[in-house]
Amino acid sequence: MWLEQVLLAEVPHSQVVLAVPKRLRPYFLYHRTLLGDLSRL
């Protein structure tokens, strides 16, 4: 709550970071369309 009220500026956008588990990374490496599908979800 302190971060939102005091430290962070109010902006009209946000950023989301997604971590893909190591076991799934080969699927996304060799099938790049899956990564696009995942980002659209």
N, C-alpha and C. Protein backbone atom coordinates (compact mmCIF):
# COMPACT_ATOMS: atom_id res chain seq x y z
N MET A 1 0.83 -1.18 0.00
CA MET A 1 0.00 0.00 0.00
C MET A 1 0.88 1.25 0.00
N TRP A 2 1.95 1.26 0.79
CA TRP A 2 2.86 2.41 0.84
C TRP A 2 3.47 2.65 -0.53
N LEU A 3 3.83 1.57 -1.23
CA LEU A 3 4.41 1.72 -2.57
C LEU A 3 3.46 2.46 -3.50
N GLU A 4 2.20 2.08 -3.50
CA GLU A 4 1.22 2.70 -4.37
C GLU A 4 0.97 4.16 -4.01
N GLN A 5 0.91 4.47 -2.75
CA GLN A 5 0.54 5.81 -2.31
C GLN A 5 1.72 6.79 -2.33
N VAL A 6 2.92 6.33 -2.02
CA VAL A 6 4.04 7.25 -1.83
C VAL A 6 5.08 7.16 -2.93
N LEU A 7 5.49 5.96 -3.28
CA LEU A 7 6.66 5.79 -4.13
C LEU A 7 6.36 5.74 -5.63
N LEU A 8 5.36 4.98 -6.01
CA LEU A 8 5.11 4.75 -7.44
C LEU A 8 4.26 5.85 -8.06
N ALA A 9 4.65 6.23 -9.28
CA ALA A 9 3.87 7.22 -10.02
C ALA A 9 2.65 6.56 -10.63
N GLU A 10 1.59 7.34 -10.78
CA GLU A 10 0.38 6.82 -11.39
C GLU A 10 0.55 6.88 -12.91
N VAL A 11 0.46 5.74 -13.56
CA VAL A 11 0.64 5.65 -15.01
C VAL A 11 -0.55 4.92 -15.63
N PRO A 12 -0.82 5.16 -16.92
CA PRO A 12 -1.98 4.54 -17.56
C PRO A 12 -1.73 3.12 -18.08
N HIS A 13 -0.60 2.52 -17.74
CA HIS A 13 -0.29 1.18 -18.25
C HIS A 13 0.35 0.34 -17.15
N SER A 14 0.49 -0.95 -17.42
CA SER A 14 1.16 -1.84 -16.49
C SER A 14 1.95 -2.87 -17.28
N GLN A 15 2.86 -3.55 -16.63
CA GLN A 15 3.69 -4.56 -17.27
C GLN A 15 3.55 -5.87 -16.50
N VAL A 16 3.39 -6.94 -17.25
CA VAL A 16 3.26 -8.27 -16.65
C VAL A 16 4.43 -9.12 -17.13
N VAL A 17 5.10 -9.80 -16.22
CA VAL A 17 6.23 -10.66 -16.56
C VAL A 17 5.79 -12.11 -16.32
N LEU A 18 5.97 -12.93 -17.33
CA LEU A 18 5.57 -14.32 -17.25
C LEU A 18 6.81 -15.20 -17.31
N ALA A 19 6.96 -16.10 -16.37
CA ALA A 19 8.07 -17.04 -16.38
C ALA A 19 7.55 -18.40 -16.84
N VAL A 20 8.23 -18.97 -17.82
CA VAL A 20 7.84 -20.29 -18.34
C VAL A 20 8.71 -21.34 -17.65
N PRO A 21 8.10 -22.35 -17.06
CA PRO A 21 8.87 -23.41 -16.40
C PRO A 21 9.85 -24.08 -17.36
N LYS A 22 11.00 -24.52 -16.84
CA LYS A 22 12.05 -25.11 -17.67
C LYS A 22 11.56 -26.29 -18.50
N ARG A 23 10.68 -27.10 -17.95
CA ARG A 23 10.19 -28.27 -18.69
C ARG A 23 9.36 -27.89 -19.91
N LEU A 24 8.77 -26.70 -19.91
CA LEU A 24 7.96 -26.27 -21.04
C LEU A 24 8.74 -25.46 -22.06
N ARG A 25 9.91 -24.97 -21.73
CA ARG A 25 10.68 -24.11 -22.62
C ARG A 25 11.02 -24.73 -23.97
N PRO A 26 11.36 -26.03 -24.05
CA PRO A 26 11.63 -26.61 -25.38
C PRO A 26 10.43 -26.54 -26.32
N TYR A 27 9.23 -26.67 -25.79
CA TYR A 27 8.04 -26.58 -26.64
C TYR A 27 7.93 -25.19 -27.27
N PHE A 28 8.19 -24.17 -26.46
CA PHE A 28 8.10 -22.80 -26.97
C PHE A 28 9.29 -22.45 -27.86
N LEU A 29 10.42 -23.09 -27.64
CA LEU A 29 11.60 -22.84 -28.45
C LEU A 29 11.40 -23.35 -29.87
N TYR A 30 10.81 -24.52 -30.03
CA TYR A 30 10.68 -25.14 -31.35
C TYR A 30 9.31 -24.89 -31.99
N HIS A 31 8.36 -24.40 -31.22
CA HIS A 31 7.03 -24.09 -31.75
C HIS A 31 6.68 -22.66 -31.33
N ARG A 32 7.25 -21.68 -32.05
CA ARG A 32 7.12 -20.28 -31.65
C ARG A 32 5.67 -19.79 -31.67
N THR A 33 4.83 -20.42 -32.45
CA THR A 33 3.42 -19.98 -32.48
C THR A 33 2.74 -20.22 -31.13
N LEU A 34 3.21 -21.23 -30.39
CA LEU A 34 2.65 -21.47 -29.05
C LEU A 34 2.92 -20.30 -28.12
N LEU A 35 4.07 -19.68 -28.27
CA LEU A 35 4.41 -18.53 -27.43
C LEU A 35 3.47 -17.36 -27.72
N GLY A 36 3.16 -17.16 -28.99
CA GLY A 36 2.20 -16.12 -29.35
C GLY A 36 0.82 -16.40 -28.79
N ASP A 37 0.41 -17.67 -28.87
CA ASP A 37 -0.89 -18.06 -28.30
C ASP A 37 -0.92 -17.84 -26.80
N LEU A 38 0.17 -18.17 -26.12
CA LEU A 38 0.25 -17.99 -24.68
C LEU A 38 0.15 -16.51 -24.31
N SER A 39 0.80 -15.65 -25.06
CA SER A 39 0.77 -14.22 -24.73
C SER A 39 -0.62 -13.62 -24.97
N ARG A 40 -1.37 -14.17 -25.91
CA ARG A 40 -2.73 -13.67 -26.16
C ARG A 40 -3.73 -14.12 -25.10
N LEU A 41 -3.40 -15.20 -24.38
CA LEU A 41 -4.29 -15.68 -23.32
C LEU A 41 -4.28 -14.71 -22.16
